[in-house]
N, C-alpha and C. Protein backbone atom coordinates (compact mmCIF):
# COMPACT_ATOMS: atom_id res chain seq x y z
N UNK A 1 0.74 -1.27 0.31
CA UNK A 1 -0.27 -0.09 0.15
C UNK A 1 0.95 1.24 0.00
N UNK A 2 1.88 1.36 1.06
CA UNK A 2 2.76 2.51 1.33
C UNK A 2 3.22 2.52 -0.24
N UNK A 3 4.05 1.61 -0.98
CA UNK A 3 4.22 1.88 -2.52
C UNK A 3 3.54 2.42 -3.71
N UNK A 4 2.17 2.02 -3.41
CA UNK A 4 1.12 2.55 -4.24
C UNK A 4 1.19 4.17 -4.15
N UNK A 5 1.23 4.77 -2.36
CA UNK A 5 1.17 5.96 -2.46
C UNK A 5 2.24 6.72 -2.82
N UNK A 6 2.97 6.38 -2.41
CA UNK A 6 4.30 6.42 -3.03
C UNK A 6 4.41 6.64 -4.53
N UNK A 7 4.16 5.80 -5.36
CA UNK A 7 4.23 6.00 -6.79
C UNK A 7 3.21 6.75 -6.67
N UNK A 8 1.85 6.86 -6.48
CA UNK A 8 0.83 7.76 -7.07
C UNK A 8 1.17 9.37 -6.59
N UNK A 9 2.07 9.53 -5.70
CA UNK A 9 2.40 10.78 -4.94
C UNK A 9 3.49 10.95 -6.08
N UNK A 10 4.41 10.58 -6.74
CA UNK A 10 5.55 10.53 -7.75
C UNK A 10 4.89 10.91 -8.90
N UNK A 11 4.03 10.53 -9.51
CA UNK A 11 3.83 10.63 -10.33
C UNK A 11 3.04 11.55 -10.57
N UNK A 12 2.19 12.70 -9.61
CA UNK A 12 1.27 13.37 -9.31
C UNK A 12 1.96 14.46 -9.52
N UNK A 13 3.40 14.46 -8.58
CA UNK A 13 4.10 15.16 -8.46
C UNK A 13 4.80 15.45 -9.87
N UNK A 14 5.16 14.92 -10.90
CA UNK A 14 6.25 15.05 -11.94
C UNK A 14 4.69 15.66 -12.90
N UNK A 15 3.67 15.17 -12.86
CA UNK A 15 2.02 15.54 -13.64
C UNK A 15 2.36 17.09 -13.15
N UNK A 16 2.19 17.74 -12.13
CA UNK A 16 2.48 18.95 -11.78
C UNK A 16 3.54 19.89 -12.26
N UNK A 17 4.52 19.30 -11.97
CA UNK A 17 5.96 20.02 -12.16
C UNK A 17 6.00 20.57 -13.73
N UNK A 18 5.61 19.78 -15.05
CA UNK A 18 5.41 19.40 -16.18
C UNK A 18 4.15 20.96 -16.10
N UNK A 19 3.48 21.31 -15.76
CA UNK A 19 2.50 22.08 -15.69
C UNK A 19 2.70 23.07 -15.36
N UNK A 20 3.50 23.15 -14.40
CA UNK A 20 4.28 24.10 -13.71
C UNK A 20 5.04 25.09 -14.85
N UNK A 21 5.99 24.18 -15.25
CA UNK A 21 7.06 24.72 -15.75
C UNK A 21 6.49 25.06 -17.57
N UNK A 22 5.37 25.10 -17.64
CA UNK A 22 4.77 25.48 -18.83
C UNK A 22 4.77 26.90 -18.95
N UNK A 23 4.86 27.68 -20.19
CA UNK A 23 5.17 28.54 -19.88
C UNK A 23 4.08 29.38 -20.81
N UNK A 24 3.90 29.06 -22.07
CA UNK A 24 2.91 29.18 -22.72
C UNK A 24 1.36 28.86 -22.43
N UNK A 25 0.10 30.13 -22.56
CA UNK A 25 -0.87 29.72 -21.86
C UNK A 25 -1.43 29.36 -22.97
N UNK A 26 -2.82 28.39 -23.01
CA UNK A 26 -3.34 27.81 -23.90
C UNK A 26 -4.47 28.58 -24.59
N UNK A 27 -4.70 28.79 -25.96
CA UNK A 27 -5.89 29.59 -26.24
C UNK A 27 -7.33 28.74 -26.06
N UNK A 28 -7.96 29.15 -25.80
CA UNK A 28 -9.34 28.31 -26.28
C UNK A 28 -10.16 29.30 -27.18
N UNK A 29 -10.85 27.62 -27.86
CA UNK A 29 -11.82 28.40 -29.31
C UNK A 29 -13.04 27.45 -28.69
N UNK A 30 -14.10 27.89 -28.40
CA UNK A 30 -15.40 26.93 -28.14
C UNK A 30 -16.43 27.40 -28.98
N UNK A 31 -16.79 26.03 -29.36
CA UNK A 31 -17.90 26.47 -30.64
C UNK A 31 -19.32 26.11 -30.32
N UNK A 32 -20.39 26.39 -30.13
CA UNK A 32 -21.65 27.03 -29.79
C UNK A 32 -22.44 26.74 -30.99
N UNK A 33 -23.42 25.79 -31.34
CA UNK A 33 -24.81 26.02 -31.83
C UNK A 33 -25.42 25.12 -31.93
N UNK A 34 -26.82 25.90 -31.88
CA UNK A 34 -27.86 25.08 -31.42
C UNK A 34 -28.27 24.34 -32.55
N UNK A 35 -29.43 23.42 -31.84
CA UNK A 35 -29.17 21.84 -32.24
C UNK A 35 -28.05 21.36 -33.28
N UNK A 36 -26.93 21.31 -32.24
CA UNK A 36 -25.80 20.93 -32.91
C UNK A 36 -25.38 19.99 -31.82
N UNK A 37 -25.72 18.44 -32.11
CA UNK A 37 -25.17 17.63 -31.54
C UNK A 37 -23.66 16.35 -32.23
N UNK A 38 -23.37 15.47 -31.37
CA UNK A 38 -21.63 15.25 -31.62
C UNK A 38 -22.12 14.36 -33.13
N UNK A 39 -23.34 14.08 -33.34
CA UNK A 39 -22.74 13.32 -34.66
C UNK A 39 -23.20 14.32 -35.71
N UNK A 40 -22.93 15.25 -35.95
CA UNK A 40 -23.21 16.26 -36.95
C UNK A 40 -22.48 17.31 -37.32
N UNK A 41 -20.95 16.87 -36.51
CA UNK A 41 -19.94 16.79 -36.96
C UNK A 41 -18.57 15.66 -37.34
N UNK A 42 -17.86 15.65 -38.88
CA UNK A 42 -16.64 15.10 -38.65
C UNK A 42 -16.08 14.62 -37.77
N UNK A 43 -15.55 15.29 -36.96
CA UNK A 43 -14.81 14.90 -35.56
C UNK A 43 -15.21 14.26 -34.78
N UNK A 44 -16.15 13.95 -34.95
CA UNK A 44 -16.98 13.12 -33.89
C UNK A 44 -17.58 11.77 -34.62
N UNK A 45 -17.22 11.61 -36.08
CA UNK A 45 -17.74 10.69 -36.58
C UNK A 45 -18.54 10.40 -37.52
N UNK A 46 -19.06 11.63 -37.97
CA UNK A 46 -20.36 12.56 -38.95
C UNK A 46 -19.49 12.03 -39.84
N UNK A 47 -20.55 11.12 -40.81
CA UNK A 47 -19.91 10.64 -42.58
C UNK A 47 -21.02 11.61 -43.34
N UNK A 48 -22.55 11.90 -42.60
CA UNK A 48 -22.80 12.84 -43.79
C UNK A 48 -22.73 14.22 -43.53
N UNK A 49 -22.29 14.86 -42.46
CA UNK A 49 -21.64 15.96 -42.95
C UNK A 49 -20.20 16.53 -42.78
N UNK A 50 -19.94 17.44 -44.04
CA UNK A 50 -18.41 17.48 -43.81
C UNK A 50 -18.32 18.83 -42.98
N UNK A 51 -17.06 18.87 -42.02
CA UNK A 51 -16.95 19.70 -41.41
C UNK A 51 -15.67 19.83 -41.37
N UNK A 52 -14.84 19.87 -42.94
CA UNK A 52 -13.20 19.96 -42.82
C UNK A 52 -12.20 20.92 -41.58
N UNK A 53 -12.90 22.17 -41.33
CA UNK A 53 -11.90 23.08 -40.83
C UNK A 53 -12.12 22.94 -39.05
N UNK A 54 -13.68 22.10 -38.97
CA UNK A 54 -13.47 22.03 -37.36
C UNK A 54 -13.32 20.98 -37.02
N UNK A 55 -12.95 19.56 -37.99
CA UNK A 55 -12.40 18.65 -38.13
C UNK A 55 -10.54 18.71 -37.84
N UNK A 56 -10.03 20.21 -38.59
CA UNK A 56 -8.90 20.02 -38.64
C UNK A 56 -8.81 20.99 -37.16
N UNK A 57 -9.48 21.98 -36.05
CA UNK A 57 -9.16 22.12 -35.30
C UNK A 57 -9.25 20.99 -34.42
N UNK A 58 -10.49 20.33 -34.03
CA UNK A 58 -10.10 19.66 -33.43
C UNK A 58 -8.93 18.37 -33.06
N UNK A 59 -8.16 18.43 -34.27
CA UNK A 59 -6.77 17.33 -34.23
C UNK A 59 -6.19 18.04 -33.47
N UNK A 60 -5.86 19.43 -33.08
CA UNK A 60 -4.81 20.58 -32.45
C UNK A 60 -5.26 20.78 -31.27
N UNK A 61 -6.37 20.15 -30.40
CA UNK A 61 -6.39 20.49 -29.15
C UNK A 61 -7.46 19.52 -28.39
N UNK A 62 -8.22 19.64 -27.73
CA UNK A 62 -8.67 19.24 -26.83
C UNK A 62 -10.63 18.88 -27.29
N UNK A 63 -11.31 17.93 -27.29
CA UNK A 63 -12.88 17.68 -27.87
C UNK A 63 -13.30 17.24 -26.76
N UNK A 64 -14.89 17.94 -26.46
CA UNK A 64 -15.33 17.12 -25.45
C UNK A 64 -16.06 16.00 -26.03
N UNK A 65 -16.06 15.03 -25.16
CA UNK A 65 -16.70 13.48 -25.81
C UNK A 65 -17.66 12.79 -24.52
N UNK A 66 -17.51 13.70 -23.76
CA UNK A 66 -18.42 13.10 -22.68
C UNK A 66 -18.89 14.36 -22.20
N UNK A 67 -19.85 15.20 -22.55
CA UNK A 67 -20.49 16.38 -21.63
C UNK A 67 -21.87 16.43 -21.90
N UNK A 68 -22.81 17.24 -21.14
CA UNK A 68 -23.65 17.35 -21.12
C UNK A 68 -24.60 18.26 -20.77
N UNK A 69 -25.64 18.37 -21.30
CA UNK A 69 -26.05 19.88 -21.45
C UNK A 69 -26.96 19.85 -20.28
N UNK A 70 -27.10 21.15 -19.95
CA UNK A 70 -27.67 21.06 -18.21
C UNK A 70 -29.37 21.33 -18.76
N UNK A 71 -29.68 21.14 -19.24
CA UNK A 71 -31.21 21.78 -19.65
C UNK A 71 -31.81 21.75 -21.51
N UNK A 72 -32.99 21.51 -21.69
CA UNK A 72 -33.03 21.18 -23.39
C UNK A 72 -33.44 22.43 -23.86
N UNK A 73 -32.75 23.50 -23.29
CA UNK A 73 -32.55 25.24 -23.98
C UNK A 73 -31.24 25.65 -24.26
N UNK A 74 -31.69 26.69 -25.05
CA UNK A 74 -30.23 26.97 -25.61
C UNK A 74 -29.67 27.98 -24.97
N UNK A 75 -30.19 29.01 -24.46
CA UNK A 75 -29.58 29.86 -23.76
C UNK A 75 -29.47 29.42 -22.15
N UNK A 76 -30.20 28.78 -21.48
CA UNK A 76 -29.58 28.12 -20.23
C UNK A 76 -28.46 27.52 -20.65
N UNK A 77 -28.36 26.77 -21.38
CA UNK A 77 -27.38 25.90 -21.52
C UNK A 77 -25.63 26.95 -21.89
N UNK A 78 -26.20 27.73 -22.40
CA UNK A 78 -24.71 28.78 -22.89
C UNK A 78 -24.26 28.93 -21.45
N UNK A 79 -25.39 29.49 -20.84
CA UNK A 79 -24.83 30.21 -19.64
C UNK A 79 -24.32 28.88 -18.64
N UNK A 80 -24.81 28.00 -18.73
CA UNK A 80 -23.90 26.56 -18.29
C UNK A 80 -22.86 26.71 -17.91
N UNK A 81 -22.31 26.88 -19.32
CA UNK A 81 -20.76 26.61 -20.50
C UNK A 81 -20.39 27.71 -19.56
N UNK A 82 -20.32 29.02 -19.90
CA UNK A 82 -19.98 30.41 -19.50
C UNK A 82 -20.19 30.02 -17.80
N UNK A 83 -20.58 29.95 -16.80
CA UNK A 83 -20.50 30.36 -15.64
C UNK A 83 -20.12 29.03 -14.65
N UNK A 84 -20.72 28.13 -15.52
CA UNK A 84 -19.99 26.33 -14.60
C UNK A 84 -21.40 26.26 -13.42
N UNK A 85 -22.32 27.34 -13.47
CA UNK A 85 -23.50 26.68 -12.51
C UNK A 85 -24.78 26.32 -13.44
N UNK A 86 -25.54 25.62 -12.55
CA UNK A 86 -26.22 25.13 -13.05
C UNK A 86 -27.79 26.05 -13.41
N UNK A 87 -27.91 26.70 -14.33
CA UNK A 87 -28.96 27.61 -15.16
C UNK A 87 -29.92 28.28 -13.65
N UNK A 88 -30.20 26.88 -13.11
CA UNK A 88 -31.61 27.87 -11.92
C UNK A 88 -30.86 28.18 -11.23
N UNK A 89 -29.50 27.59 -10.61
CA UNK A 89 -28.96 28.87 -9.62
C UNK A 89 -28.62 30.15 -10.13
N UNK A 90 -27.93 29.80 -11.71
CA UNK A 90 -27.62 31.25 -11.81
C UNK A 90 -28.38 32.39 -11.77
N UNK A 91 -29.80 32.23 -12.22
CA UNK A 91 -30.81 32.83 -12.50
C UNK A 91 -30.67 32.80 -14.40
N UNK A 92 -30.23 32.15 -14.99
CA UNK A 92 -30.24 31.95 -16.27
C UNK A 92 -31.55 30.89 -16.56
N UNK A 93 -32.56 30.48 -15.94
CA UNK A 93 -33.71 30.09 -16.73
C UNK A 93 -35.34 30.67 -16.00
N UNK A 94 -35.87 30.52 -17.14
CA UNK A 94 -36.25 29.74 -18.22
C UNK A 94 -35.38 30.15 -19.66
N UNK A 95 -35.59 29.57 -20.41
CA UNK A 95 -34.97 30.00 -21.84
C UNK A 95 -35.30 31.81 -21.82
N UNK A 96 -33.77 32.30 -22.71
CA UNK A 96 -34.08 33.85 -22.71
C UNK A 96 -34.14 34.77 -21.63
N UNK A 97 -32.83 34.47 -20.40
CA UNK A 97 -33.31 35.37 -19.32
C UNK A 97 -31.46 35.03 -19.25
N UNK A 98 -31.08 36.47 -18.53
CA UNK A 98 -29.69 36.84 -17.99
C UNK A 98 -29.17 36.03 -16.56
N UNK A 99 -28.26 35.77 -16.47
CA UNK A 99 -27.65 35.18 -15.24
C UNK A 99 -28.01 36.62 -13.91
N UNK A 100 -28.08 36.14 -12.70
CA UNK A 100 -27.78 37.18 -11.80
C UNK A 100 -27.16 37.88 -11.94
N UNK A 101 -26.78 39.55 -11.25
CA UNK A 101 -26.08 40.04 -11.57
C UNK A 101 -24.93 39.36 -10.86
N UNK A 102 -24.04 39.85 -10.17
CA UNK A 102 -22.63 38.84 -9.59
C UNK A 102 -22.15 37.92 -10.28
N UNK A 103 -22.76 37.04 -10.87
CA UNK A 103 -22.45 35.85 -10.84
C UNK A 103 -21.36 36.04 -12.17
N UNK A 104 -20.41 35.34 -11.64
CA UNK A 104 -19.01 35.07 -12.21
C UNK A 104 -19.25 34.32 -13.40
N UNK A 105 -18.37 34.33 -14.33
CA UNK A 105 -18.59 33.66 -15.77
C UNK A 105 -16.96 33.25 -15.98
N UNK A 106 -16.39 32.46 -17.01
CA UNK A 106 -15.05 32.25 -17.88
C UNK A 106 -14.57 33.66 -17.83
N UNK A 107 -15.45 34.74 -18.59
CA UNK A 107 -15.01 36.11 -18.27
C UNK A 107 -14.06 36.84 -17.03
N UNK A 108 -14.37 36.69 -16.12
CA UNK A 108 -14.19 37.03 -14.71
C UNK A 108 -12.96 36.20 -14.57
N UNK A 109 -13.08 35.04 -14.70
CA UNK A 109 -12.06 33.69 -14.12
C UNK A 109 -10.53 33.81 -15.15
N UNK A 110 -10.93 34.64 -16.28
CA UNK A 110 -9.82 34.44 -17.23
C UNK A 110 -9.18 36.05 -17.73
N UNK A 111 -9.76 36.44 -17.53
CA UNK A 111 -9.40 37.94 -18.12
C UNK A 111 -8.28 38.32 -17.00
N UNK A 112 -7.96 37.73 -15.77
CA UNK A 112 -7.00 38.41 -14.72
C UNK A 112 -5.98 37.78 -14.89
N UNK A 113 -5.77 36.05 -15.28
CA UNK A 113 -4.77 35.83 -16.06
C UNK A 113 -4.34 36.05 -17.31
N UNK A 114 -4.68 37.55 -17.77
CA UNK A 114 -3.82 38.18 -18.73
C UNK A 114 -4.58 37.53 -20.38
N UNK A 115 -5.89 36.67 -20.41
CA UNK A 115 -6.80 36.35 -21.82
C UNK A 115 -7.10 37.92 -22.40
N UNK A 116 -7.29 37.93 -23.43
CA UNK A 116 -8.36 38.30 -24.55
C UNK A 116 -10.17 37.50 -24.65
N UNK A 117 -11.01 37.35 -23.61
CA UNK A 117 -12.30 36.71 -23.64
C UNK A 117 -13.42 37.39 -24.87
N UNK A 118 -13.40 37.08 -26.24
CA UNK A 118 -14.33 37.58 -26.78
C UNK A 118 -15.03 36.60 -27.66
N UNK A 119 -16.32 37.21 -27.95
CA UNK A 119 -17.10 36.29 -28.61
C UNK A 119 -17.82 37.06 -29.92
N UNK A 120 -18.08 35.88 -31.00
CA UNK A 120 -18.83 36.04 -31.98
C UNK A 120 -19.94 35.40 -32.21
N UNK A 121 -21.00 36.18 -32.90
CA UNK A 121 -22.03 35.70 -33.19
C UNK A 121 -23.24 35.60 -34.46
N UNK A 122 -23.86 34.39 -34.58
CA UNK A 122 -24.39 34.85 -35.78
C UNK A 122 -25.99 34.24 -35.84
N UNK A 123 -26.83 35.51 -36.29
CA UNK A 123 -28.36 34.80 -35.62
C UNK A 123 -28.22 36.40 -34.30
N UNK A 124 -29.28 35.80 -34.02
CA UNK A 124 -29.72 36.11 -32.51
C UNK A 124 -28.70 36.72 -31.65
N UNK A 125 -28.64 38.26 -31.53
CA UNK A 125 -27.29 38.62 -30.51
C UNK A 125 -27.93 37.68 -28.96
N UNK A 126 -26.53 37.49 -28.51
CA UNK A 126 -26.46 36.72 -27.33
C UNK A 126 -27.48 37.67 -26.00
N UNK A 127 -27.93 37.48 -25.51
CA UNK A 127 -28.24 38.50 -24.16
C UNK A 127 -27.45 38.50 -23.38
N UNK A 128 -26.31 36.90 -22.81
CA UNK A 128 -25.69 36.90 -21.72
C UNK A 128 -24.65 38.04 -22.96
N UNK A 129 -24.43 38.55 -23.39
CA UNK A 129 -23.54 38.93 -24.48
C UNK A 129 -22.70 40.88 -23.84
N UNK A 130 -24.54 41.02 -23.21
CA UNK A 130 -24.41 42.17 -22.84
C UNK A 130 -24.34 42.61 -21.65
N UNK A 131 -24.86 41.07 -20.85
CA UNK A 131 -25.01 41.07 -19.30
C UNK A 131 -23.37 41.16 -18.78
N UNK A 132 -23.85 41.30 -17.13
CA UNK A 132 -22.31 41.60 -16.70
C UNK A 132 -21.94 40.38 -16.05
N UNK A 133 -22.84 39.32 -16.15
CA UNK A 133 -22.39 37.93 -15.70
C UNK A 133 -21.37 37.54 -17.33
N UNK A 134 -21.27 38.27 -18.46
CA UNK A 134 -20.35 37.45 -19.52
C UNK A 134 -19.67 38.60 -20.45
N UNK A 135 -18.82 39.74 -19.46
CA UNK A 135 -18.78 41.31 -20.62
C UNK A 135 -17.64 40.78 -21.11
N UNK A 136 -17.99 40.12 -22.32
CA UNK A 136 -16.75 39.66 -23.24
C UNK A 136 -15.86 40.71 -23.48
N UNK A 137 -14.84 41.11 -24.16
CA UNK A 137 -13.92 42.28 -24.31
C UNK A 137 -14.75 42.57 -26.29
N UNK A 138 -15.00 42.41 -26.39
CA UNK A 138 -15.41 42.37 -28.08
C UNK A 138 -16.17 41.59 -28.71
N UNK A 139 -17.59 41.67 -29.07
CA UNK A 139 -18.60 40.87 -29.31
C UNK A 139 -19.01 41.63 -30.49
N UNK A 140 -19.14 40.38 -31.22
CA UNK A 140 -19.46 41.03 -33.02
C UNK A 140 -19.70 40.02 -33.39
N UNK A 141 -21.15 40.71 -34.04
CA UNK A 141 -21.99 39.98 -34.19
C UNK A 141 -22.11 40.02 -35.96
N UNK A 142 -21.89 38.44 -36.40
CA UNK A 142 -21.54 38.32 -38.02
C UNK A 142 -22.79 37.69 -38.23
N UNK A 143 -22.71 37.60 -40.18
CA UNK A 143 -23.67 37.41 -40.70
C UNK A 143 -22.98 36.59 -42.05
N UNK A 144 -22.51 35.03 -41.44
CA UNK A 144 -21.29 34.38 -42.24
C UNK A 144 -21.52 33.99 -43.97
N UNK A 145 -20.47 33.95 -44.53
CA UNK A 145 -20.61 34.57 -46.12
C UNK A 145 -20.97 32.90 -46.09
N UNK A 146 -21.40 32.30 -47.52
CA UNK A 146 -21.47 30.97 -47.86
C UNK A 146 -19.82 30.39 -47.78
N UNK A 147 -19.68 29.36 -47.59
CA UNK A 147 -18.46 28.57 -47.67
C UNK A 147 -17.10 28.81 -48.77
N UNK A 148 -18.28 28.92 -49.86
CA UNK A 148 -17.55 28.84 -51.19
C UNK A 148 -17.20 30.09 -51.66
N UNK A 149 -17.34 31.30 -51.08
CA UNK A 149 -17.16 32.59 -51.26
C UNK A 149 -15.86 32.48 -49.95
N UNK A 150 -15.35 32.05 -49.40
CA UNK A 150 -14.16 32.02 -48.37
C UNK A 150 -13.56 31.53 -48.65
N UNK A 151 -11.74 31.74 -48.96
CA UNK A 151 -10.68 31.20 -49.42
C UNK A 151 -10.59 30.05 -48.08
N UNK A 152 -9.96 29.34 -48.68
CA UNK A 152 -9.30 28.41 -47.51
C UNK A 152 -8.37 28.75 -46.07
N UNK A 153 -7.71 30.10 -46.53
CA UNK A 153 -6.81 30.89 -45.63
C UNK A 153 -7.86 31.76 -44.95
N UNK A 154 -8.75 32.16 -45.28
CA UNK A 154 -9.89 32.95 -44.48
C UNK A 154 -10.56 31.96 -43.16
N UNK A 155 -10.85 31.22 -43.77
CA UNK A 155 -11.48 30.19 -42.84
C UNK A 155 -10.42 29.25 -41.76
N UNK A 156 -8.62 28.88 -42.07
CA UNK A 156 -8.36 28.92 -40.94
C UNK A 156 -7.30 29.45 -40.41
N UNK A 157 -7.76 30.98 -40.42
CA UNK A 157 -6.65 32.27 -39.78
C UNK A 157 -6.63 32.19 -38.60
N UNK A 158 -7.19 31.52 -37.84
CA UNK A 158 -7.17 31.61 -35.95
C UNK A 158 -6.09 30.85 -35.61
N UNK A 159 -6.13 29.94 -36.66
CA UNK A 159 -5.11 28.23 -36.27
C UNK A 159 -3.81 28.83 -36.57
N UNK A 160 -3.61 29.79 -37.55
CA UNK A 160 -2.14 29.95 -37.92
C UNK A 160 -1.89 31.19 -37.29
N UNK A 161 -2.13 32.09 -36.35
CA UNK A 161 -1.54 33.06 -35.66
C UNK A 161 -1.35 32.27 -34.51
N UNK A 162 0.46 31.49 -34.45
CA UNK A 162 1.00 31.08 -33.36
C UNK A 162 2.19 32.00 -33.15
N UNK A 163 2.19 33.52 -33.16
CA UNK A 163 3.17 33.81 -32.82
C UNK A 163 2.08 35.37 -31.61
N UNK A 164 1.10 34.84 -31.48
CA UNK A 164 -0.26 35.89 -30.81
C UNK A 164 1.13 35.70 -29.29
N UNK A 165 1.16 37.33 -28.98
CA UNK A 165 1.50 36.76 -27.37
C UNK A 165 0.52 36.75 -26.37
N UNK A 166 -0.82 37.64 -26.95
CA UNK A 166 -1.98 37.64 -25.62
C UNK A 166 -2.73 36.51 -25.84
N UNK A 167 -2.86 35.28 -24.99
CA UNK A 167 -3.61 34.44 -24.76
C UNK A 167 -5.05 35.19 -25.14
N UNK A 168 -5.90 33.67 -25.43
CA UNK A 168 -7.66 34.10 -26.19
C UNK A 168 -8.14 33.43 -25.57
N UNK A 169 -9.37 34.01 -25.22
CA UNK A 169 -10.37 32.58 -25.10
C UNK A 169 -11.70 33.31 -26.06
N UNK A 170 -11.98 32.53 -27.12
CA UNK A 170 -12.69 33.07 -28.15
C UNK A 170 -14.19 31.48 -28.30
N UNK A 171 -15.31 32.69 -28.13
CA UNK A 171 -16.98 32.15 -28.25
C UNK A 171 -16.85 32.18 -29.58
N UNK A 172 -17.31 31.20 -30.35
CA UNK A 172 -17.97 31.48 -31.86
C UNK A 172 -19.23 30.72 -31.40
N UNK A 173 -20.16 31.23 -31.58
CA UNK A 173 -21.84 30.65 -31.38
C UNK A 173 -22.60 31.25 -32.78
N UNK A 174 -23.27 30.17 -32.64
CA UNK A 174 -24.00 29.88 -34.20
C UNK A 174 -25.75 29.76 -33.40
N UNK A 175 -26.40 30.51 -33.97
CA UNK A 175 -27.68 30.48 -33.38
C UNK A 175 -28.88 30.78 -34.49
N UNK A 176 -29.42 30.14 -34.76
CA UNK A 176 -31.02 29.37 -35.80
C UNK A 176 -31.75 29.97 -35.24
C-alpha cells in the first residue's frame, strides 16, 4: 500500500511540475451551435456532415467527448457553459434570460490571467453578451458568407496565428 501511495505521489508531482514549467498559456476556442450534436460533426464520426475546418481544429486541441447540457434549452445551456452553474442557480432559467448580477463567468476568471475573452455570434445576439455575468471584451455579430465565398486561408486564420503573445478565449456561437 505504501509503495502505491509513493508511486502515486511521484506521478502526481511529476505531472504538476510539468504543468508548472509550461510558460505558454493555451488558447481556447469554443464552438456553440443550436441543435448541433456530436453526430453533426466529422471530428465526432459523422459521415453525412462535411466539417473539414472544425475537424482540423479538433486535431490540434481538446474535444468534449462526454459532456451533457444542463437543460434542453439554448440560452440556459450557454450560461451553464459560461458560468459552470446550473441555470436555475445562476438565474439564467427559463430560456432567454440572463444570469443574476454578480454571477462570475469564464470571462471573470480568464481576464485576470491575461486572456482576451471575445465572442462572435451569428443570428440573434446573445442576451448574455451584454450582461455583467459575461462581459466579453469584444462582441461581434456576424452574418457568415457561404463557404464557397471564403478562401481556405480565411477559414483557417485562427489556427495559423501562433506567434500571438496575448492568450485568447474565443466563443463562436451559431444561433438559428
